Amino acid sequence: ESRSLRTAPSLVRCRRGCRTDREGAAGTAAGASGGGGRKYAAMRAGLRARAEQIVLEITERGVPDRLGVEAINTMARHGVRIALDDTRLTGANLALLSRCSFNIIKLDRQITAQLIEHESAPEWLAGLKSLLSNSSLTVVAEGVESEYQARVLSSVGVKMAEGYLFSTPLPARAFMQFHDESSAVRQRGRGTH
């Protein structure tokens, strides 16, 4: 996962924009057995050295039936990391979470936008805290635009977020350059070179 230099207590921010093209994504699904799809997608995007970091993102709309659920679970058994994107914590999304082997859920930006300073906490926040304390899921909050949103999400156990608070979307190569530079800065800060 990607991390930025801006680190608030226990919340690591990831940056948007490091995605493969349509052909790479299609290759991931088609060659999912044994992780070959990840390697194909990484090769197509020029990210071969980072193939193990590639995650297949699926939206709720992309997995409506039994065959889709079976395909997701088969890919997961073969080591493909899978994320449910645009999660809204509604009945349909929660049902999908219970039937599929997701590693990551990405909270929809519309959910994050409900976190408004000086307003009562949305009902879903307690459920998210419970989900995180009772599962091994990684949650990424999309659309984080304020320090307040970042603090609230961190307080319920969300460890990663993305949004304009941290960065505008970046192409894969620009992200890799940022990552390499920020890693070097962190190492210098620890006194190692």
C-alpha atoms as a PDB file:
ATOM      1  CA  GLU A   1       0.000   0.000   0.000  1.00  0.00           C
ATOM      2  CA  SER A   2       1.078   3.530  -0.598  1.00  0.00           C
ATOM      3  CA  ARG A   3       1.698   6.026   2.151  1.00  0.00           C
ATOM      4  CA  SER A   4       2.223   9.745   2.168  1.00  0.00           C
ATOM      5  CA  LEU A   5       4.564  11.907   4.184  1.00  0.00           C
ATOM      6  CA  ARG A   6       1.660  13.490   6.045  1.00  0.00           C
ATOM      7  CA  THR A   7       0.962  11.123   8.884  1.00  0.00           C
ATOM      8  CA  ALA A   8      -1.578  11.857  11.584  1.00  0.00           C
ATOM      9  CA  PRO A   9      -1.757   9.613  14.634  1.00  0.00           C
ATOM     10  CA  SER A  10      -2.459   6.042  13.462  1.00  0.00           C
ATOM     11  CA  LEU A  11      -3.849   7.069  10.049  1.00  0.00           C
ATOM     12  CA  VAL A  12      -1.790   6.305   6.981  1.00  0.00           C
ATOM     13  CA  ARG A  13      -2.931   8.131   3.890  1.00  0.00           C
ATOM     14  CA  CYS A  14      -2.735   6.537   0.480  1.00  0.00           C
ATOM     15  CA  ARG A  15      -2.793   8.433  -2.768  1.00  0.00           C
ATOM     16  CA  ARG A  16      -5.185   8.014  -5.674  1.00  0.00           C
ATOM     17  CA  GLY A  17      -4.145   7.405  -9.221  1.00  0.00           C
ATOM     18  CA  CYS A  18      -2.056   4.221  -9.220  1.00  0.00           C
ATOM     19  CA  ARG A  19      -4.317   2.032 -11.343  1.00  0.00           C
ATOM     20  CA  THR A  20      -3.740  -0.097 -14.377  1.00  0.00           C
ATOM     21  CA  ASP A  21      -5.413   0.426 -17.731  1.00  0.00           C
ATOM     22  CA  ARG A  22      -8.517  -1.473 -18.890  1.00  0.00           C
ATOM     23  CA  GLU A  23      -6.448  -4.141 -20.619  1.00  0.00           C
ATOM     24  CA  GLY A  24      -4.432  -4.714 -17.459  1.00  0.00           C
ATOM     25  CA  ALA A  25      -7.569  -4.979 -15.323  1.00  0.00           C
ATOM     26  CA  ALA A  26      -9.138  -7.409 -17.779  1.00  0.00           C
ATOM     27  CA  GLY A  27      -5.932  -9.458 -17.714  1.00  0.00           C
ATOM     28  CA  THR A  28      -6.139  -9.675 -13.941  1.00  0.00           C
ATOM     29  CA  ALA A  29      -9.588 -11.231 -14.030  1.00  0.00           C
ATOM     30  CA  ALA A  30      -8.826 -13.530 -16.949  1.00  0.00           C
ATOM     31  CA  GLY A  31      -5.548 -14.869 -15.554  1.00  0.00           C
ATOM     32  CA  ALA A  32      -6.444 -14.908 -11.887  1.00  0.00           C
ATOM     33  CA  SER A  33      -5.433 -18.474 -11.221  1.00  0.00           C
ATOM     34  CA  GLY A  34      -2.155 -18.485  -9.358  1.00  0.00           C
ATOM     35  CA  GLY A  35      -1.700 -14.704  -9.476  1.00  0.00           C
ATOM     36  CA  GLY A  36      -0.729 -14.666 -13.180  1.00  0.00           C
ATOM     37  CA  GLY A  37      -3.285 -11.921 -13.789  1.00  0.00           C
ATOM     38  CA  ARG A  38      -1.514  -9.650 -11.309  1.00  0.00           C
ATOM     39  CA  LYS A  39       1.766 -10.228 -13.094  1.00  0.00           C
ATOM     40  CA  TYR A  40       0.175  -9.542 -16.476  1.00  0.00           C
ATOM     41  CA  ALA A  41      -1.420  -6.315 -15.222  1.00  0.00           C
ATOM     42  CA  ALA A  42       1.866  -5.236 -13.645  1.00  0.00           C
ATOM     43  CA  MET A  43       3.754  -5.923 -16.865  1.00  0.00           C
ATOM     44  CA  ARG A  44       1.209  -3.976 -18.962  1.00  0.00           C
ATOM     45  CA  ALA A  45       1.430  -0.983 -16.615  1.00  0.00           C
ATOM     46  CA  GLY A  46       5.223  -1.059 -16.300  1.00  0.00           C
ATOM     47  CA  LEU A  47       4.977  -2.072 -12.631  1.00  0.00           C
ATOM     48  CA  ARG A  48       6.464  -5.571 -12.769  1.00  0.00           C
ATOM     49  CA  ALA A  49       8.597  -5.056  -9.639  1.00  0.00           C
ATOM     50  CA  ARG A  50       5.447  -4.162  -7.696  1.00  0.00           C
ATOM     51  CA  ALA A  51       3.169  -6.989  -8.942  1.00  0.00           C
ATOM     52  CA  GLU A  52       2.449  -8.267  -5.438  1.00  0.00           C
ATOM     53  CA  GLN A  53       1.050  -4.851  -4.509  1.00  0.00           C
ATOM     54  CA  ILE A  54      -1.646  -4.878  -7.198  1.00  0.00           C
ATOM     55  CA  VAL A  55      -5.210  -5.159  -5.938  1.00  0.00           C
ATOM     56  CA  LEU A  56      -8.221  -5.988  -8.109  1.00  0.00           C
ATOM     57  CA  GLU A  57     -10.983  -3.462  -7.374  1.00  0.00           C
ATOM     58  CA  ILE A  58     -14.598  -4.463  -7.884  1.00  0.00           C
ATOM     59  CA  THR A  59     -17.656  -2.277  -7.425  1.00  0.00           C
ATOM     60  CA  GLU A  60     -20.878  -3.565  -5.922  1.00  0.00           C
ATOM     61  CA  ARG A  61     -22.457  -3.195  -9.373  1.00  0.00           C
ATOM     62  CA  GLY A  62     -19.749  -5.467 -10.807  1.00  0.00           C
ATOM     63  CA  VAL A  63     -20.656  -8.554  -8.749  1.00  0.00           C
ATOM     64  CA  PRO A  64     -24.421  -9.006  -8.869  1.00  0.00           C
ATOM     65  CA  ASP A  65     -24.767 -12.773  -9.155  1.00  0.00           C
ATOM     66  CA  ARG A  66     -23.646 -16.165  -7.845  1.00  0.00           C
ATOM     67  CA  LEU A  67     -21.082 -16.630 -10.642  1.00  0.00           C
ATOM     68  CA  GLY A  68     -19.416 -13.349  -9.761  1.00  0.00           C
ATOM     69  CA  VAL A  69     -19.231 -14.323  -6.102  1.00  0.00           C
ATOM     70  CA  GLU A  70     -17.705 -17.696  -7.019  1.00  0.00           C
ATOM     71  CA  ALA A  71     -15.138 -15.990  -9.271  1.00  0.00           C
ATOM     72  CA  ILE A  72     -14.114 -13.565  -6.518  1.00  0.00           C
ATOM     73  CA  ASN A  73     -13.718 -16.342  -3.980  1.00  0.00           C
ATOM     74  CA  THR A  74     -11.702 -18.452  -6.456  1.00  0.00           C
ATOM     75  CA  MET A  75      -9.348 -15.559  -7.182  1.00  0.00           C
ATOM     76  CA  ALA A  76      -8.919 -14.940  -3.443  1.00  0.00           C
ATOM     77  CA  ARG A  77      -8.008 -18.598  -2.877  1.00  0.00           C
ATOM     78  CA  HIS A  78      -5.283 -18.179  -5.518  1.00  0.00           C
ATOM     79  CA  GLY A  79      -3.732 -15.193  -3.759  1.00  0.00           C
ATOM     80  CA  VAL A  80      -5.323 -12.304  -5.648  1.00  0.00           C
ATOM     81  CA  ARG A  81      -6.013  -9.416  -3.293  1.00  0.00           C
ATOM     82  CA  ILE A  82      -9.491  -8.025  -3.896  1.00  0.00           C
ATOM     83  CA  ALA A  83     -11.075  -4.727  -2.877  1.00  0.00           C
ATOM     84  CA  LEU A  84     -14.746  -3.776  -2.862  1.00  0.00           C
ATOM     85  CA  ASP A  85     -14.805  -0.214  -4.159  1.00  0.00           C
ATOM     86  CA  ASP A  86     -17.447   2.464  -3.509  1.00  0.00           C
ATOM     87  CA  THR A  87     -18.765   0.708  -0.399  1.00  0.00           C
ATOM     88  CA  ARG A  88     -21.701   2.524   1.172  1.00  0.00           C
ATOM     89  CA  LEU A  89     -22.313   0.259   4.196  1.00  0.00           C
ATOM     90  CA  THR A  90     -25.854  -0.497   3.036  1.00  0.00           C
ATOM     91  CA  GLY A  91     -27.610  -3.847   3.136  1.00  0.00           C
ATOM     92  CA  ALA A  92     -26.481  -4.806  -0.390  1.00  0.00           C
ATOM     93  CA  ASN A  93     -22.828  -4.033   0.310  1.00  0.00           C
ATOM     94  CA  LEU A  94     -22.881  -5.778   3.681  1.00  0.00           C
ATOM     95  CA  ALA A  95     -24.483  -8.869   2.127  1.00  0.00           C
ATOM     96  CA  LEU A  96     -21.758  -8.905  -0.522  1.00  0.00           C
ATOM     97  CA  LEU A  97     -19.082  -8.565   2.173  1.00  0.00           C
ATOM     98  CA  SER A  98     -20.467 -11.603   3.955  1.00  0.00           C
ATOM     99  CA  ARG A  99     -20.439 -13.760   0.777  1.00  0.00           C
ATOM    100  CA  CYS A 100     -17.089 -12.762  -0.752  1.00  0.00           C
ATOM    101  CA  SER A 101     -13.456 -12.985   0.294  1.00  0.00           C
ATOM    102  CA  PHE A 102     -12.511  -9.320   0.157  1.00  0.00           C
ATOM    103  CA  ASN A 103      -9.264  -8.094   1.664  1.00  0.00           C
ATOM    104  CA  ILE A 104     -10.091  -4.410   1.408  1.00  0.00           C
ATOM    105  CA  ILE A 105     -13.199  -2.276   1.382  1.00  0.00           C
ATOM    106  CA  LYS A 106     -13.061   1.255   0.095  1.00  0.00           C
ATOM    107  CA  LEU A 107     -15.630   3.559   1.651  1.00  0.00           C
ATOM    108  CA  ASP A 108     -17.439   5.645  -0.934  1.00  0.00           C
ATOM    109  CA  ARG A 109     -16.686   9.357  -0.845  1.00  0.00           C
ATOM    110  CA  GLN A 110     -20.390  10.045  -0.225  1.00  0.00           C
ATOM    111  CA  ILE A 111     -20.058   8.183   3.078  1.00  0.00           C
ATOM    112  CA  THR A 112     -16.961  10.160   4.051  1.00  0.00           C
ATOM    113  CA  ALA A 113     -18.733  13.427   3.146  1.00  0.00           C
ATOM    114  CA  GLN A 114     -21.255  12.712   5.922  1.00  0.00           C
ATOM    115  CA  LEU A 115     -18.525  13.384   8.488  1.00  0.00           C
ATOM    116  CA  ILE A 116     -19.085  17.078   9.149  1.00  0.00           C
ATOM    117  CA  GLU A 117     -17.519  18.898  12.066  1.00  0.00           C
ATOM    118  CA  HIS A 118     -20.000  20.120  14.731  1.00  0.00           C
ATOM    119  CA  GLU A 119     -22.708  17.695  13.507  1.00  0.00           C
ATOM    120  CA  SER A 120     -23.719  14.416  15.086  1.00  0.00           C
ATOM    121  CA  ALA A 121     -21.897  11.299  13.921  1.00  0.00           C
ATOM    122  CA  PRO A 122     -23.658   9.319  11.188  1.00  0.00           C
ATOM    123  CA  GLU A 123     -25.267   6.007  12.223  1.00  0.00           C
ATOM    124  CA  TRP A 124     -22.879   3.923  10.116  1.00  0.00           C
ATOM    125  CA  LEU A 125     -19.823   5.032  12.106  1.00  0.00           C
ATOM    126  CA  ALA A 126     -20.472   2.677  15.051  1.00  0.00           C
ATOM    127  CA  GLY A 127     -21.105  -0.206  12.641  1.00  0.00           C
ATOM    128  CA  LEU A 128     -17.826   0.489  10.874  1.00  0.00           C
ATOM    129  CA  LYS A 129     -15.976   0.457  14.188  1.00  0.00           C
ATOM    130  CA  SER A 130     -17.561  -2.907  15.041  1.00  0.00           C
ATOM    131  CA  LEU A 131     -16.728  -4.323  11.591  1.00  0.00           C
ATOM    132  CA  LEU A 132     -13.096  -3.302  11.959  1.00  0.00           C
ATOM    133  CA  SER A 133     -12.747  -4.720  15.449  1.00  0.00           C
ATOM    134  CA  ASN A 134     -14.258  -8.078  14.412  1.00  0.00           C
ATOM    135  CA  SER A 135     -12.577  -8.717  11.052  1.00  0.00           C
ATOM    136  CA  SER A 136      -9.252  -8.623   9.275  1.00  0.00           C
ATOM    137  CA  LEU A 137     -10.534  -6.261   6.589  1.00  0.00           C
ATOM    138  CA  THR A 138      -8.508  -3.253   5.604  1.00  0.00           C
ATOM    139  CA  VAL A 139     -10.644  -0.151   5.119  1.00  0.00           C
ATOM    140  CA  VAL A 140      -9.643   2.732   2.880  1.00  0.00           C
ATOM    141  CA  ALA A 141     -11.756   5.878   3.194  1.00  0.00           C
ATOM    142  CA  GLU A 142     -12.181   7.675  -0.127  1.00  0.00           C
ATOM    143  CA  GLY A 143     -12.799  11.380  -0.505  1.00  0.00           C
ATOM    144  CA  VAL A 144     -11.161  12.599   2.705  1.00  0.00           C
ATOM    145  CA  GLU A 145     -11.018  16.373   2.390  1.00  0.00           C
ATOM    146  CA  SER A 146     -10.603  17.627   5.963  1.00  0.00           C
ATOM    147  CA  GLU A 147      -8.439  16.938   9.002  1.00  0.00           C
ATOM    148  CA  TYR A 148     -11.682  16.392  10.951  1.00  0.00           C
ATOM    149  CA  GLN A 149     -12.719  13.530   8.653  1.00  0.00           C
ATOM    150  CA  ALA A 150      -9.243  12.004   8.958  1.00  0.00           C
ATOM    151  CA  ARG A 151      -9.339  12.176  12.787  1.00  0.00           C
ATOM    152  CA  VAL A 152     -12.826  10.660  13.067  1.00  0.00           C
ATOM    153  CA  LEU A 153     -12.014   7.817  10.692  1.00  0.00           C
ATOM    154  CA  SER A 154      -8.777   7.110  12.540  1.00  0.00           C
ATOM    155  CA  SER A 155     -10.638   7.025  15.864  1.00  0.00           C
ATOM    156  CA  VAL A 156     -12.834   4.100  14.681  1.00  0.00           C
ATOM    157  CA  GLY A 157      -9.903   2.123  13.292  1.00  0.00           C
ATOM    158  CA  VAL A 158      -9.601   3.206   9.659  1.00  0.00           C
ATOM    159  CA  LYS A 159      -5.880   3.165   8.919  1.00  0.00           C
ATOM    160  CA  MET A 160      -5.821   4.369   5.302  1.00  0.00           C
ATOM    161  CA  ALA A 161      -7.503   7.160   3.412  1.00  0.00           C
ATOM    162  CA  GLU A 162      -7.300   8.942   0.123  1.00  0.00           C
ATOM    163  CA  GLY A 163      -8.584  12.262  -1.072  1.00  0.00           C
ATOM    164  CA  TYR A 164      -7.723  15.840  -1.818  1.00  0.00           C
ATOM    165  CA  LEU A 165      -6.561  16.410   1.776  1.00  0.00           C
ATOM    166  CA  PHE A 166      -3.500  14.414   0.725  1.00  0.00           C
ATOM    167  CA  SER A 167      -3.127  14.752  -3.035  1.00  0.00           C
ATOM    168  CA  THR A 168      -4.790  15.220  -6.367  1.00  0.00           C
ATOM    169  CA  PRO A 169      -4.972  12.025  -8.466  1.00  0.00           C
ATOM    170  CA  LEU A 170      -1.562  10.979  -9.798  1.00  0.00           C
ATOM    171  CA  PRO A 171      -0.575   8.828 -12.769  1.00  0.00           C
ATOM    172  CA  ALA A 172       1.203   5.601 -11.783  1.00  0.00           C
ATOM    173  CA  ARG A 173       4.703   6.829 -12.693  1.00  0.00           C
ATOM    174  CA  ALA A 174       4.305  10.092 -10.745  1.00  0.00           C
ATOM    175  CA  PHE A 175       3.045   8.109  -7.774  1.00  0.00           C
ATOM    176  CA  MET A 176       6.017   5.741  -7.916  1.00  0.00           C
ATOM    177  CA  GLN A 177       8.380   8.735  -7.987  1.00  0.00           C
ATOM    178  CA  PHE A 178       6.593  10.259  -4.977  1.00  0.00           C
ATOM    179  CA  HIS A 179       6.752   6.939  -3.135  1.00  0.00           C
ATOM    180  CA  ASP A 180      10.484   6.512  -3.782  1.00  0.00           C
ATOM    181  CA  GLU A 181      11.203  10.088  -2.672  1.00  0.00           C
ATOM    182  CA  SER A 182       9.078   9.837   0.479  1.00  0.00           C
ATOM    183  CA  SER A 183      10.680   6.495   1.393  1.00  0.00           C
ATOM    184  CA  ALA A 184      14.119   8.110   1.135  1.00  0.00           C
ATOM    185  CA  VAL A 185      12.982  11.006   3.366  1.00  0.00           C
ATOM    186  CA  ARG A 186      11.575   8.580   5.985  1.00  0.00           C
ATOM    187  CA  GLN A 187      14.826   6.593   5.987  1.00  0.00           C
ATOM    188  CA  ARG A 188      16.899   9.761   6.453  1.00  0.00           C
ATOM    189  CA  GLY A 189      14.580  10.742   9.315  1.00  0.00           C
ATOM    190  CA  ARG A 190      15.342   7.432  11.040  1.00  0.00           C
ATOM    191  CA  GLY A 191      19.054   7.975  10.616  1.00  0.00           C
ATOM    192  CA  THR A 192      19.531   5.163   8.071  1.00  0.00           C
ATOM    193  CA  HIS A 193      20.612   5.597   4.475  1.00  0.00           C
END
